[in-house]
Amino acid sequence: MTTVPMNIAFLGAGLMATPMIERLLAAGHAVAVWNRTRAKLDPLLARGATALDAPVQAAAADLVLMCLMDAAAVRSTVFGEHGLAAAGRAGIRARCLVDHSSIRPDATRDLAQTLQARCGLEWVDAPVSGGIAGAAAGTLAIMCGGAQAAFDAARPVLAAYAANITHMGPVGAGQTTKLINQVLV
């Protein structure tokens, strides 16, 4: 799937996110990255990414992606003092936030509802399956929950690191599917 290069902000640069970001750069996207531990950005900056000083700066991107450790990190990154939501309704250019973090479906729905109310930004929960090797190879499976239009807008970008991208239903459906997948596997 071919996509037009976009300005992307990626919040988080851990073990899973790093190969995802590398594949986005290789696909020709301009990627700005933020991570709590700034030193983790160095290899990505050497490959052409730019650094964000705070998550709020991600509001200027065409699309915001996020892959963090847990719900507390997600909440802090989105709603903290310098979080994405601090940009407010008028300050956000992107139409959606795609969250690759694996968190509880009810937490996802609450976070999504709060972000929508504060900023008008759609939330796509998009946990992944396939591990670090799958991210590096571009073969991840992504189970998405959220509005169809937001999913459709994000899908071409996600194809840089995923071979199977499925819309499962409304916000929280991606997380629910991931939980079911974990139980079955």
C-alpha atoms as a PDB file:
ATOM      1  CA  MET A   1       0.000   0.000   0.000  1.00  0.00           C
ATOM      2  CA  THR A   2       1.478   3.341  -1.054  1.00  0.00           C
ATOM      3  CA  THR A   3       0.869   6.410   1.037  1.00  0.00           C
ATOM      4  CA  VAL A   4       1.709  10.075   0.757  1.00  0.00           C
ATOM      5  CA  PRO A   5       4.482  11.032   3.168  1.00  0.00           C
ATOM      6  CA  MET A   6       3.094  12.698   6.284  1.00  0.00           C
ATOM      7  CA  ASN A   7       4.350  14.645   9.262  1.00  0.00           C
ATOM      8  CA  ILE A   8       3.999  12.158  12.105  1.00  0.00           C
ATOM      9  CA  ALA A   9       4.577  12.549  15.822  1.00  0.00           C
ATOM     10  CA  PHE A  10       5.419   9.374  17.752  1.00  0.00           C
ATOM     11  CA  LEU A  11       5.164   9.464  21.540  1.00  0.00           C
ATOM     12  CA  GLY A  12       7.347   6.779  23.103  1.00  0.00           C
ATOM     13  CA  ALA A  13      10.543   5.228  21.802  1.00  0.00           C
ATOM     14  CA  GLY A  14      10.842   1.946  23.669  1.00  0.00           C
ATOM     15  CA  LEU A  15      11.763  -1.504  22.388  1.00  0.00           C
ATOM     16  CA  MET A  16       8.541  -1.923  20.410  1.00  0.00           C
ATOM     17  CA  ALA A  17       8.209   1.648  19.163  1.00  0.00           C
ATOM     18  CA  THR A  18      11.775   2.052  17.884  1.00  0.00           C
ATOM     19  CA  PRO A  19      11.506  -0.368  14.931  1.00  0.00           C
ATOM     20  CA  MET A  20       8.058   1.048  14.149  1.00  0.00           C
ATOM     21  CA  ILE A  21       9.557   4.535  13.947  1.00  0.00           C
ATOM     22  CA  GLU A  22      12.467   3.259  11.845  1.00  0.00           C
ATOM     23  CA  ARG A  23      10.001   1.768   9.336  1.00  0.00           C
ATOM     24  CA  LEU A  24       8.042   5.051   9.206  1.00  0.00           C
ATOM     25  CA  LEU A  25      11.272   6.921   8.412  1.00  0.00           C
ATOM     26  CA  ALA A  26      12.197   4.344   5.745  1.00  0.00           C
ATOM     27  CA  ALA A  27       8.746   4.838   4.182  1.00  0.00           C
ATOM     28  CA  GLY A  28       9.548   8.533   3.713  1.00  0.00           C
ATOM     29  CA  HIS A  29       7.526  10.045   6.550  1.00  0.00           C
ATOM     30  CA  ALA A  30       8.841  12.971   8.571  1.00  0.00           C
ATOM     31  CA  VAL A  31       8.783  11.681  12.151  1.00  0.00           C
ATOM     32  CA  ALA A  32       9.113  13.765  15.292  1.00  0.00           C
ATOM     33  CA  VAL A  33       9.644  11.683  18.436  1.00  0.00           C
ATOM     34  CA  TRP A  34       9.322  12.154  22.173  1.00  0.00           C
ATOM     35  CA  ASN A  35      10.335   9.868  25.009  1.00  0.00           C
ATOM     36  CA  ARG A  36      10.599  10.367  28.768  1.00  0.00           C
ATOM     37  CA  THR A  37      14.225   9.235  28.565  1.00  0.00           C
ATOM     38  CA  ARG A  38      15.711  11.578  25.968  1.00  0.00           C
ATOM     39  CA  ALA A  39      18.836   9.422  25.353  1.00  0.00           C
ATOM     40  CA  LYS A  40      16.644   6.698  23.803  1.00  0.00           C
ATOM     41  CA  LEU A  41      15.985   9.078  20.910  1.00  0.00           C
ATOM     42  CA  ASP A  42      19.623   9.269  19.782  1.00  0.00           C
ATOM     43  CA  PRO A  43      19.551   6.293  17.352  1.00  0.00           C
ATOM     44  CA  LEU A  44      16.312   7.591  15.825  1.00  0.00           C
ATOM     45  CA  LEU A  45      17.679  11.116  15.479  1.00  0.00           C
ATOM     46  CA  ALA A  46      20.708   9.660  13.688  1.00  0.00           C
ATOM     47  CA  ARG A  47      18.277   8.057  11.189  1.00  0.00           C
ATOM     48  CA  GLY A  48      16.506  11.347  10.453  1.00  0.00           C
ATOM     49  CA  ALA A  49      13.835  11.741  13.116  1.00  0.00           C
ATOM     50  CA  THR A  50      13.493  15.042  14.944  1.00  0.00           C
ATOM     51  CA  ALA A  51      13.031  15.416  18.685  1.00  0.00           C
ATOM     52  CA  LEU A  52      10.035  16.828  20.508  1.00  0.00           C
ATOM     53  CA  ASP A  53      10.684  18.440  23.890  1.00  0.00           C
ATOM     54  CA  ALA A  54       7.202  17.618  25.207  1.00  0.00           C
ATOM     55  CA  PRO A  55       4.146  15.640  24.060  1.00  0.00           C
ATOM     56  CA  VAL A  56       2.153  18.856  23.527  1.00  0.00           C
ATOM     57  CA  GLN A  57       4.377  19.583  20.504  1.00  0.00           C
ATOM     58  CA  ALA A  58       2.934  16.492  18.794  1.00  0.00           C
ATOM     59  CA  ALA A  59      -0.250  18.509  18.243  1.00  0.00           C
ATOM     60  CA  ALA A  60       1.339  20.096  15.148  1.00  0.00           C
ATOM     61  CA  ALA A  61       1.650  16.736  13.335  1.00  0.00           C
ATOM     62  CA  ASP A  62      -0.724  15.327  10.728  1.00  0.00           C
ATOM     63  CA  LEU A  63      -1.022  12.099  12.746  1.00  0.00           C
ATOM     64  CA  VAL A  64      -0.049  11.263  16.323  1.00  0.00           C
ATOM     65  CA  LEU A  65       1.062   7.718  17.201  1.00  0.00           C
ATOM     66  CA  MET A  66       1.844   6.468  20.686  1.00  0.00           C
ATOM     67  CA  CYS A  67       3.316   3.295  22.183  1.00  0.00           C
ATOM     68  CA  LEU A  68       3.825   3.409  25.931  1.00  0.00           C
ATOM     69  CA  MET A  69       4.281   1.007  28.844  1.00  0.00           C
ATOM     70  CA  ASP A  70       0.950   1.270  30.649  1.00  0.00           C
ATOM     71  CA  ALA A  71      -2.204   3.303  31.278  1.00  0.00           C
ATOM     72  CA  ALA A  72      -0.454   5.615  33.747  1.00  0.00           C
ATOM     73  CA  ALA A  73       2.149   6.545  31.125  1.00  0.00           C
ATOM     74  CA  VAL A  74      -0.590   7.054  28.521  1.00  0.00           C
ATOM     75  CA  ARG A  75      -2.617   9.277  30.864  1.00  0.00           C
ATOM     76  CA  SER A  76       0.441  11.369  31.784  1.00  0.00           C
ATOM     77  CA  THR A  77       1.585  11.732  28.165  1.00  0.00           C
ATOM     78  CA  VAL A  78      -1.835  12.799  26.925  1.00  0.00           C
ATOM     79  CA  PHE A  79      -3.228  14.727  29.904  1.00  0.00           C
ATOM     80  CA  GLY A  80      -0.165  15.730  31.943  1.00  0.00           C
ATOM     81  CA  GLU A  81       1.062  19.298  32.358  1.00  0.00           C
ATOM     82  CA  HIS A  82       2.781  19.326  28.942  1.00  0.00           C
ATOM     83  CA  GLY A  83       0.714  16.498  27.484  1.00  0.00           C
ATOM     84  CA  LEU A  84      -0.856  16.375  24.048  1.00  0.00           C
ATOM     85  CA  ALA A  85      -4.224  17.656  25.310  1.00  0.00           C
ATOM     86  CA  ALA A  86      -2.579  20.835  26.630  1.00  0.00           C
ATOM     87  CA  ALA A  87      -2.682  22.097  23.025  1.00  0.00           C
ATOM     88  CA  GLY A  88      -6.452  22.428  23.349  1.00  0.00           C
ATOM     89  CA  ARG A  89      -9.053  22.209  20.615  1.00  0.00           C
ATOM     90  CA  ALA A  90      -7.604  25.082  18.565  1.00  0.00           C
ATOM     91  CA  GLY A  91      -4.005  23.856  18.823  1.00  0.00           C
ATOM     92  CA  ILE A  92      -4.332  20.336  17.429  1.00  0.00           C
ATOM     93  CA  ARG A  93      -3.792  19.786  13.723  1.00  0.00           C
ATOM     94  CA  ALA A  94      -4.107  15.983  13.709  1.00  0.00           C
ATOM     95  CA  ARG A  95      -7.505  14.306  13.396  1.00  0.00           C
ATOM     96  CA  CYS A  96      -6.635  11.272  15.483  1.00  0.00           C
ATOM     97  CA  LEU A  97      -4.330   9.709  18.019  1.00  0.00           C
ATOM     98  CA  VAL A  98      -3.397   6.079  17.391  1.00  0.00           C
ATOM     99  CA  ASP A  99      -2.447   4.343  20.639  1.00  0.00           C
ATOM    100  CA  HIS A 100      -0.403   1.136  20.285  1.00  0.00           C
ATOM    101  CA  SER A 101      -0.107   0.732  24.067  1.00  0.00           C
ATOM    102  CA  SER A 102      -1.758  -2.354  25.544  1.00  0.00           C
ATOM    103  CA  ILE A 103      -4.093  -1.104  28.266  1.00  0.00           C
ATOM    104  CA  ARG A 104      -7.514  -2.052  29.603  1.00  0.00           C
ATOM    105  CA  PRO A 105     -10.488  -1.441  27.281  1.00  0.00           C
ATOM    106  CA  ASP A 106     -12.386   0.562  29.917  1.00  0.00           C
ATOM    107  CA  ALA A 107      -9.361   2.823  30.500  1.00  0.00           C
ATOM    108  CA  THR A 108      -9.078   3.295  26.745  1.00  0.00           C
ATOM    109  CA  ARG A 109     -12.725   4.324  26.445  1.00  0.00           C
ATOM    110  CA  ASP A 110     -12.384   6.807  29.333  1.00  0.00           C
ATOM    111  CA  LEU A 111      -9.209   8.349  27.917  1.00  0.00           C
ATOM    112  CA  ALA A 112     -10.733   8.572  24.441  1.00  0.00           C
ATOM    113  CA  GLN A 113     -13.890  10.244  25.710  1.00  0.00           C
ATOM    114  CA  THR A 114     -11.896  12.801  27.701  1.00  0.00           C
ATOM    115  CA  LEU A 115      -9.604  13.601  24.750  1.00  0.00           C
ATOM    116  CA  GLN A 116     -12.577  13.993  22.408  1.00  0.00           C
ATOM    117  CA  ALA A 117     -14.304  16.360  24.841  1.00  0.00           C
ATOM    118  CA  ARG A 118     -11.205  18.489  25.442  1.00  0.00           C
ATOM    119  CA  CYS A 119      -9.680  18.589  21.969  1.00  0.00           C
ATOM    120  CA  GLY A 120     -12.044  17.053  19.442  1.00  0.00           C
ATOM    121  CA  LEU A 121      -9.367  14.463  18.673  1.00  0.00           C
ATOM    122  CA  GLU A 122     -10.438  10.920  17.736  1.00  0.00           C
ATOM    123  CA  TRP A 123      -8.752   8.007  19.539  1.00  0.00           C
ATOM    124  CA  VAL A 124      -7.881   4.762  17.771  1.00  0.00           C
ATOM    125  CA  ASP A 125      -6.813   2.006  20.149  1.00  0.00           C
ATOM    126  CA  ALA A 126      -4.448  -0.151  18.136  1.00  0.00           C
ATOM    127  CA  PRO A 127      -2.543  -2.707  20.206  1.00  0.00           C
ATOM    128  CA  VAL A 128      -0.125  -4.839  18.232  1.00  0.00           C
ATOM    129  CA  SER A 129       0.809  -8.497  18.022  1.00  0.00           C
ATOM    130  CA  GLY A 130       4.035  -9.831  16.571  1.00  0.00           C
ATOM    131  CA  GLY A 131       6.747  -8.542  18.864  1.00  0.00           C
ATOM    132  CA  ILE A 132       9.853  -6.513  18.171  1.00  0.00           C
ATOM    133  CA  ALA A 133      10.867  -8.795  15.293  1.00  0.00           C
ATOM    134  CA  GLY A 134       7.458  -8.286  13.670  1.00  0.00           C
ATOM    135  CA  ALA A 135       7.780  -4.519  13.992  1.00  0.00           C
ATOM    136  CA  ALA A 136      11.250  -4.604  12.386  1.00  0.00           C
ATOM    137  CA  ALA A 137      10.019  -6.849   9.562  1.00  0.00           C
ATOM    138  CA  GLY A 138       6.813  -4.870   9.008  1.00  0.00           C
ATOM    139  CA  THR A 139       4.635  -7.898   9.756  1.00  0.00           C
ATOM    140  CA  LEU A 140       2.749  -6.812  12.870  1.00  0.00           C
ATOM    141  CA  ALA A 141      -0.948  -7.506  13.310  1.00  0.00           C
ATOM    142  CA  ILE A 142      -2.866  -4.479  14.579  1.00  0.00           C
ATOM    143  CA  MET A 143      -6.341  -4.733  16.073  1.00  0.00           C
ATOM    144  CA  CYS A 144      -8.021  -1.324  15.973  1.00  0.00           C
ATOM    145  CA  GLY A 145     -10.950   0.220  17.768  1.00  0.00           C
ATOM    146  CA  GLY A 146     -12.333   3.642  16.938  1.00  0.00           C
ATOM    147  CA  ALA A 147     -14.327   5.627  14.429  1.00  0.00           C
ATOM    148  CA  GLN A 148     -14.180   4.234  10.901  1.00  0.00           C
ATOM    149  CA  ALA A 149     -12.988   7.555   9.423  1.00  0.00           C
ATOM    150  CA  ALA A 150     -10.119   7.798  11.915  1.00  0.00           C
ATOM    151  CA  PHE A 151      -9.131   4.187  11.220  1.00  0.00           C
ATOM    152  CA  ASP A 152      -9.246   4.828   7.455  1.00  0.00           C
ATOM    153  CA  ALA A 153      -7.020   7.907   7.824  1.00  0.00           C
ATOM    154  CA  ALA A 154      -4.426   6.053   9.916  1.00  0.00           C
ATOM    155  CA  ARG A 155      -4.351   2.737   8.067  1.00  0.00           C
ATOM    156  CA  PRO A 156      -1.990   3.701   5.205  1.00  0.00           C
ATOM    157  CA  VAL A 157       0.589   4.912   7.744  1.00  0.00           C
ATOM    158  CA  LEU A 158       0.267   1.802   9.919  1.00  0.00           C
ATOM    159  CA  ALA A 159       1.007  -0.299   6.828  1.00  0.00           C
ATOM    160  CA  ALA A 160       4.660   0.811   7.136  1.00  0.00           C
ATOM    161  CA  TYR A 161       5.086  -1.686   9.990  1.00  0.00           C
ATOM    162  CA  ALA A 162       2.050  -3.960   9.873  1.00  0.00           C
ATOM    163  CA  ALA A 163       0.875  -6.631   7.449  1.00  0.00           C
ATOM    164  CA  ASN A 164      -2.537  -7.179   9.021  1.00  0.00           C
ATOM    165  CA  ILE A 165      -4.535  -4.122  10.132  1.00  0.00           C
ATOM    166  CA  THR A 166      -8.127  -4.813  11.159  1.00  0.00           C
ATOM    167  CA  HIS A 167     -10.881  -2.484  12.329  1.00  0.00           C
ATOM    168  CA  MET A 168     -12.640  -4.353  15.149  1.00  0.00           C
ATOM    169  CA  GLY A 169     -15.307  -1.795  16.102  1.00  0.00           C
ATOM    170  CA  PRO A 170     -15.667   1.249  18.368  1.00  0.00           C
ATOM    171  CA  VAL A 171     -13.045   2.592  20.771  1.00  0.00           C
ATOM    172  CA  GLY A 172     -11.932  -0.184  23.113  1.00  0.00           C
ATOM    173  CA  ALA A 173     -12.573  -2.973  20.603  1.00  0.00           C
ATOM    174  CA  GLY A 174      -8.885  -3.170  19.680  1.00  0.00           C
ATOM    175  CA  GLN A 175      -7.886  -3.634  23.314  1.00  0.00           C
ATOM    176  CA  THR A 176     -10.623  -6.223  23.834  1.00  0.00           C
ATOM    177  CA  THR A 177      -9.450  -8.162  20.781  1.00  0.00           C
ATOM    178  CA  LYS A 178      -5.850  -8.045  22.025  1.00  0.00           C
ATOM    179  CA  LEU A 179      -6.915  -9.502  25.384  1.00  0.00           C
ATOM    180  CA  ILE A 180      -8.805 -12.312  23.663  1.00  0.00           C
ATOM    181  CA  ASN A 181      -5.801 -12.953  21.406  1.00  0.00           C
ATOM    182  CA  GLN A 182      -3.486 -13.167  24.426  1.00  0.00           C
ATOM    183  CA  VAL A 183      -5.763 -15.692  26.135  1.00  0.00           C
ATOM    184  CA  LEU A 184      -5.980 -17.843  22.994  1.00  0.00           C
ATOM    185  CA  VAL A 185      -2.263 -17.716  22.234  1.00  0.00           C
END
